[in-house]
Structures are given as C-alpha cells and as structure tokens.
N, C-alpha and C. Protein backbone atom coordinates (compact mmCIF):
# COMPACT_ATOMS: atom_id res chain seq x y z
N UNK A 1 0.78 -1.19 -0.01
CA UNK A 1 0.01 0.00 0.07
C UNK A 1 0.85 1.23 -0.02
N UNK A 2 1.98 1.28 0.82
CA UNK A 2 2.82 2.46 0.94
C UNK A 2 3.56 2.59 -0.46
N UNK A 3 3.85 1.56 -1.14
CA UNK A 3 4.58 1.70 -2.42
C UNK A 3 3.67 2.40 -3.46
N UNK A 4 2.40 2.18 -3.32
CA UNK A 4 1.45 2.77 -4.33
C UNK A 4 1.34 4.32 -4.09
N UNK A 5 1.59 4.79 -2.91
CA UNK A 5 1.57 6.25 -2.64
C UNK A 5 2.83 6.88 -2.84
N UNK A 6 3.92 6.11 -3.22
CA UNK A 6 5.20 6.79 -3.42
C UNK A 6 6.03 6.93 -2.17
N UNK A 7 5.61 6.21 -1.14
CA UNK A 7 6.44 6.19 0.06
C UNK A 7 7.21 4.92 0.21
N UNK A 8 8.35 4.92 -0.50
CA UNK A 8 9.17 3.72 -0.54
C UNK A 8 9.74 3.44 0.89
N UNK A 9 10.04 4.55 1.60
CA UNK A 9 10.59 4.33 3.01
C UNK A 9 9.56 3.67 3.87
N UNK A 10 8.28 3.98 3.75
CA UNK A 10 7.25 3.21 4.61
C UNK A 10 7.08 1.78 4.10
N UNK A 11 7.27 1.55 2.85
CA UNK A 11 7.11 0.16 2.26
C UNK A 11 8.23 -0.68 2.82
N UNK A 12 9.45 -0.08 2.83
CA UNK A 12 10.61 -0.93 3.48
C UNK A 12 10.33 -1.19 4.89
N UNK A 13 9.90 -0.22 5.64
CA UNK A 13 9.47 -0.47 7.03
C UNK A 13 8.49 -1.53 7.22
N UNK A 14 7.54 -1.50 6.43
CA UNK A 14 6.43 -2.45 6.57
C UNK A 14 6.85 -3.83 6.20
N UNK A 15 7.85 -3.99 5.32
CA UNK A 15 8.31 -5.33 4.84
C UNK A 15 9.21 -5.92 5.89
N UNK A 16 9.71 -5.29 6.93
CA UNK A 16 10.50 -5.80 7.97
C UNK A 16 9.76 -6.80 8.78
N UNK A 17 10.31 -7.96 9.05
CA UNK A 17 9.70 -8.98 9.92
C UNK A 17 10.43 -8.97 11.23
N UNK A 18 9.91 -9.62 12.18
CA UNK A 18 10.56 -9.59 13.51
C UNK A 18 11.95 -10.26 13.43
N UNK A 19 12.15 -11.24 12.48
CA UNK A 19 13.47 -11.84 12.33
C UNK A 19 14.47 -10.96 11.67
N UNK A 20 13.94 -9.94 10.92
CA UNK A 20 14.82 -9.05 10.21
C UNK A 20 15.50 -8.09 11.17
N UNK A 21 16.84 -7.94 11.07
CA UNK A 21 17.54 -7.07 12.02
C UNK A 21 17.05 -5.60 11.87
N UNK A 22 17.18 -4.91 12.86
CA UNK A 22 16.72 -3.55 12.89
C UNK A 22 17.55 -2.63 11.96
N UNK A 23 16.92 -1.63 11.51
CA UNK A 23 17.59 -0.71 10.54
C UNK A 23 18.51 0.16 11.28
N UNK A 24 18.29 0.41 12.61
CA UNK A 24 19.20 1.32 13.34
C UNK A 24 20.49 0.60 13.74
N UNK A 25 21.58 1.31 13.79
CA UNK A 25 22.88 0.70 14.30
C UNK A 25 22.70 0.51 15.78
N UNK A 26 23.50 -0.50 16.28
CA UNK A 26 23.37 -0.77 17.74
C UNK A 26 23.93 0.44 18.56
N UNK A 27 23.28 0.64 19.68
CA UNK A 27 23.71 1.79 20.53
C UNK A 27 24.96 1.40 21.39
N UNK A 28 25.86 2.27 21.32
CA UNK A 28 27.10 2.16 22.11
C UNK A 28 26.90 2.77 23.49
N UNK A 29 27.80 2.44 24.44
CA UNK A 29 27.79 3.05 25.75
C UNK A 29 28.03 4.53 25.61
N UNK A 30 27.27 5.46 26.32
CA UNK A 30 27.59 6.91 26.16
C UNK A 30 28.89 7.24 26.77
N UNK A 31 29.54 8.32 26.18
CA UNK A 31 30.75 8.65 26.70
C UNK A 31 30.60 10.01 27.43
N UNK A 32 31.56 10.32 28.24
CA UNK A 32 31.46 11.59 29.04
C UNK A 32 31.27 12.80 28.17
N UNK A 33 31.97 12.88 27.06
CA UNK A 33 31.82 14.07 26.12
C UNK A 33 30.44 14.12 25.61
N UNK A 34 29.91 12.97 25.17
CA UNK A 34 28.58 12.96 24.66
C UNK A 34 27.51 13.33 25.70
N UNK A 35 27.80 12.97 26.93
CA UNK A 35 26.85 13.35 27.98
C UNK A 35 26.84 14.80 28.15
N UNK A 36 27.99 15.48 28.11
CA UNK A 36 28.04 16.88 28.17
C UNK A 36 27.29 17.51 27.03
N UNK A 37 27.39 16.92 25.87
CA UNK A 37 26.80 17.60 24.65
C UNK A 37 25.22 17.39 24.79
N UNK A 38 24.84 16.14 25.41
CA UNK A 38 23.47 15.92 25.49
C UNK A 38 22.70 16.58 26.61
N UNK A 39 23.49 17.28 27.35
CA UNK A 39 22.98 18.02 28.56
C UNK A 39 21.93 19.02 28.14
N UNK A 40 22.17 19.61 26.98
CA UNK A 40 21.22 20.63 26.41
C UNK A 40 20.02 20.11 25.72
N UNK A 41 19.90 18.80 25.52
CA UNK A 41 18.77 18.27 24.84
C UNK A 41 17.57 18.15 25.69
N UNK A 42 16.43 18.51 25.07
CA UNK A 42 15.15 18.46 25.86
C UNK A 42 14.16 17.52 25.26
N UNK A 43 14.43 16.75 24.24
CA UNK A 43 13.59 15.96 23.57
C UNK A 43 12.72 16.59 22.40
N UNK A 44 12.98 17.90 22.17
CA UNK A 44 12.29 18.55 21.11
C UNK A 44 13.28 19.10 20.13
N UNK A 45 14.50 18.41 19.98
CA UNK A 45 15.44 18.87 19.01
C UNK A 45 15.01 18.81 17.54
N UNK A 46 14.05 17.93 17.29
CA UNK A 46 13.59 17.64 15.97
C UNK A 46 12.83 18.83 15.37
N UNK A 47 12.46 19.83 16.25
CA UNK A 47 11.76 20.96 15.77
C UNK A 47 12.84 21.95 15.20
N UNK A 48 12.81 22.24 13.95
CA UNK A 48 13.71 23.14 13.34
C UNK A 48 13.32 24.61 13.57
N UNK A 49 13.83 25.18 14.61
CA UNK A 49 13.38 26.63 14.95
C UNK A 49 13.92 27.56 13.94
N UNK A 50 15.00 27.30 13.27
CA UNK A 50 15.51 28.17 12.17
C UNK A 50 14.56 28.35 11.09
N UNK A 51 13.95 27.20 10.63
CA UNK A 51 12.94 27.24 9.63
C UNK A 51 11.66 27.90 10.09
N UNK A 52 11.30 27.58 11.35
CA UNK A 52 10.10 28.31 11.87
C UNK A 52 10.32 29.78 12.00
N UNK A 53 11.51 30.25 12.30
CA UNK A 53 11.80 31.68 12.45
C UNK A 53 11.66 32.33 11.02
N UNK A 54 12.08 31.62 9.98
CA UNK A 54 12.01 32.21 8.66
C UNK A 54 10.62 32.30 8.15
N UNK A 55 9.79 31.25 8.55
CA UNK A 55 8.41 31.31 8.03
C UNK A 55 7.52 32.22 8.90
N UNK A 56 7.77 32.13 10.20
CA UNK A 56 6.94 32.83 11.13
C UNK A 56 7.90 33.72 12.07
N UNK A 57 8.41 34.83 11.61
CA UNK A 57 9.39 35.45 12.32
C UNK A 57 8.91 36.04 13.69
N UNK A 58 7.75 36.33 13.92
CA UNK A 58 7.25 36.90 15.15
C UNK A 58 6.57 35.88 16.15
N UNK A 59 6.39 34.72 15.69
CA UNK A 59 5.76 33.72 16.38
C UNK A 59 6.80 33.02 17.43
N UNK A 60 6.56 33.17 18.69
CA UNK A 60 7.43 32.54 19.67
C UNK A 60 6.65 31.45 20.49
N UNK A 61 5.63 30.90 20.06
CA UNK A 61 4.88 29.97 20.70
C UNK A 61 5.68 28.67 20.89
N UNK A 62 6.31 28.19 19.92
CA UNK A 62 7.06 26.94 20.03
C UNK A 62 8.18 27.12 21.16
N UNK A 63 8.88 28.23 21.06
CA UNK A 63 9.91 28.46 22.11
C UNK A 63 9.34 28.52 23.50
N UNK A 64 8.25 29.20 23.62
CA UNK A 64 7.56 29.19 24.93
C UNK A 64 7.07 27.87 25.45
N UNK A 65 6.57 27.09 24.58
CA UNK A 65 6.14 25.77 24.95
C UNK A 65 7.28 24.95 25.42
N UNK A 66 8.46 25.04 24.62
CA UNK A 66 9.66 24.30 25.06
C UNK A 66 10.08 24.75 26.42
N UNK A 67 10.02 26.01 26.67
CA UNK A 67 10.45 26.53 28.00
C UNK A 67 9.53 26.08 29.12
N UNK A 68 8.31 26.05 28.86
CA UNK A 68 7.27 25.67 29.87
C UNK A 68 7.33 24.25 30.17
N UNK A 69 7.60 23.39 29.14
CA UNK A 69 7.64 21.96 29.35
C UNK A 69 9.04 21.45 29.87
N UNK A 70 10.05 22.32 29.92
CA UNK A 70 11.37 21.91 30.33
C UNK A 70 11.32 21.60 31.77
N UNK A 71 11.39 20.40 32.14
CA UNK A 71 11.38 19.91 33.53
C UNK A 71 12.69 19.16 33.98
N UNK A 72 13.59 19.07 33.04
CA UNK A 72 14.85 18.32 33.34
C UNK A 72 15.94 19.29 34.00
N UNK A 73 15.74 20.53 33.98
CA UNK A 73 16.69 21.44 34.48
C UNK A 73 16.14 22.15 35.69
N UNK A 74 17.04 22.47 36.61
CA UNK A 74 16.59 23.17 37.82
C UNK A 74 16.10 24.57 37.48
N UNK A 75 15.09 24.99 38.15
CA UNK A 75 14.51 26.29 38.01
C UNK A 75 15.18 27.29 38.89
N UNK A 76 15.83 28.33 38.35
CA UNK A 76 16.52 29.37 39.20
C UNK A 76 15.51 30.24 39.95
N UNK A 77 15.86 30.57 41.14
CA UNK A 77 15.00 31.52 41.82
C UNK A 77 15.94 32.74 42.06
N UNK A 78 15.56 33.81 41.46
CA UNK A 78 16.44 35.05 41.48
C UNK A 78 15.53 36.12 42.03
N UNK A 79 15.79 36.52 43.31
CA UNK A 79 15.14 37.60 43.91
C UNK A 79 16.16 38.51 44.56
N UNK A 80 16.03 39.85 44.34
CA UNK A 80 17.01 40.76 44.88
C UNK A 80 16.42 41.44 46.07
N UNK A 81 17.07 41.50 47.11
CA UNK A 81 16.61 42.16 48.43
C UNK A 81 16.93 43.71 48.31
N UNK A 82 15.90 44.44 48.32
CA UNK A 82 16.07 45.92 48.37
C UNK A 82 16.46 46.36 49.67
N UNK A 83 17.27 47.42 49.77
CA UNK A 83 17.74 47.85 51.14
C UNK A 83 16.59 48.18 52.09
N UNK A 84 15.48 48.62 51.60
CA UNK A 84 14.38 49.00 52.60
C UNK A 84 13.60 47.86 52.96
N UNK A 85 13.72 46.64 52.43
CA UNK A 85 12.99 45.44 52.84
C UNK A 85 13.72 44.73 54.00
N UNK A 86 12.92 44.38 55.00
CA UNK A 86 13.54 43.60 56.10
C UNK A 86 13.80 42.26 55.73
N UNK A 87 14.68 41.58 56.56
CA UNK A 87 14.96 40.13 56.27
C UNK A 87 13.73 39.30 56.32
N UNK A 88 12.87 39.56 57.30
CA UNK A 88 11.60 38.76 57.44
C UNK A 88 10.75 38.93 56.20
N UNK A 89 10.50 40.04 55.71
CA UNK A 89 9.68 40.26 54.58
C UNK A 89 10.31 39.61 53.35
N UNK A 90 11.71 39.75 53.21
CA UNK A 90 12.36 39.21 52.12
C UNK A 90 12.22 37.60 52.17
N UNK A 91 12.28 37.00 53.28
CA UNK A 91 12.16 35.55 53.39
C UNK A 91 10.79 35.12 53.02
N UNK A 92 9.78 35.99 53.51
CA UNK A 92 8.35 35.61 53.11
C UNK A 92 8.19 35.76 51.63
N UNK A 93 8.84 36.81 50.89
CA UNK A 93 8.71 36.89 49.44
C UNK A 93 9.39 35.71 48.79
N UNK A 94 10.52 35.30 49.32
CA UNK A 94 11.10 34.06 48.74
C UNK A 94 10.34 32.81 48.75
N UNK A 95 9.59 32.66 49.93
CA UNK A 95 8.78 31.43 50.22
C UNK A 95 7.50 31.61 49.08
N UNK A 96 7.01 32.75 48.86
CA UNK A 96 5.84 32.86 47.93
C UNK A 96 6.35 32.55 46.61
N UNK A 97 7.48 33.06 46.21
CA UNK A 97 8.05 32.79 44.82
C UNK A 97 8.29 31.25 44.70
N UNK A 98 8.84 30.74 45.74
CA UNK A 98 9.19 29.28 45.69
C UNK A 98 7.82 28.45 45.59
N UNK A 99 6.84 28.80 46.31
CA UNK A 99 5.61 28.12 46.27
C UNK A 99 5.02 28.23 44.82
N UNK A 100 5.03 29.39 44.17
CA UNK A 100 4.48 29.58 42.89
C UNK A 100 5.28 28.67 41.95
N UNK A 101 6.55 28.63 42.00
CA UNK A 101 7.36 27.83 41.17
C UNK A 101 7.15 26.33 41.29
N UNK A 102 6.99 25.92 42.66
CA UNK A 102 6.60 24.52 42.90
C UNK A 102 5.24 24.10 42.27
N UNK A 103 4.30 24.97 42.42
CA UNK A 103 2.91 24.69 41.97
C UNK A 103 3.09 24.55 40.32
N UNK A 104 3.81 25.48 39.77
CA UNK A 104 3.93 25.34 38.29
C UNK A 104 4.64 24.14 37.85
N UNK A 105 5.70 23.78 38.57
CA UNK A 105 6.47 22.62 38.30
C UNK A 105 5.72 21.32 38.51
N UNK A 106 4.97 21.24 39.58
CA UNK A 106 4.20 20.10 39.89
C UNK A 106 3.01 19.91 38.89
N UNK A 107 2.53 21.01 38.26
CA UNK A 107 1.50 20.90 37.27
C UNK A 107 1.91 20.38 35.92
N UNK A 108 3.26 20.27 35.73
CA UNK A 108 3.85 19.77 34.45
C UNK A 108 3.48 18.26 34.28
N UNK A 109 3.28 17.82 33.09
CA UNK A 109 3.04 16.36 32.96
C UNK A 109 4.30 15.53 33.18
N UNK A 110 4.08 14.34 33.61
CA UNK A 110 5.18 13.49 33.90
C UNK A 110 5.52 12.71 32.62
N UNK A 111 6.87 12.61 32.30
CA UNK A 111 7.27 11.79 31.08
C UNK A 111 7.77 12.72 30.12
C-alpha cells in the first residue's frame, strides 16, 4: 500500500519482519563528552526553529512551549533584596516565589 503512494521508506519499514535485523545501528555506551553535549537536549530537538523563524518571524509559541515543558533542568530563583525590605519580609517573598514555582513545576506532565 505504501509503495502505491510513493512512500518507499514506509514500504521498506512495513516489509521488515521480527526476524529481520533492525535498521538502526546498535547503541554504544555513552561517553562523558557525549553526556556533556546531550545535557542541552530536551527531547524537542527535531523542531527546526530556524525554519520556523524564517516562516513565522514573530511567532514565539514553540519556544515558549519548550520553555514551559522543560522539567529536566533546575529552575533558578532570583530575587533581589532591596535595602528598605527587612529580612523577614524578604524571606516571606522568597517563600511565595518558591511556592509559585513549585505549583507550576508540579502541574507539568510526567514523562
């Protein structure tokens, strides 16, 4: 069926039987250098943002979705204490910000 539609790649995949070896090469053990390079991966590398920027230059929805769904990196909490704010009020502000970040992080889907 796939060969009739001009999708030879799909026809080849459909013709594979369980006894047929996989098309993919075997995975090797990860190296430290590769681990450092993979640190920036978030699972959405297949999205070609450069092409999206060319086609939709002002659309930042994909970038925002990637940022919101990023749960594998720690979330920084940056609050500056102003000189007129007491330590007690500053700690309360930190706790409120931390609670908001925790609620947002716990609302993310698992997986």
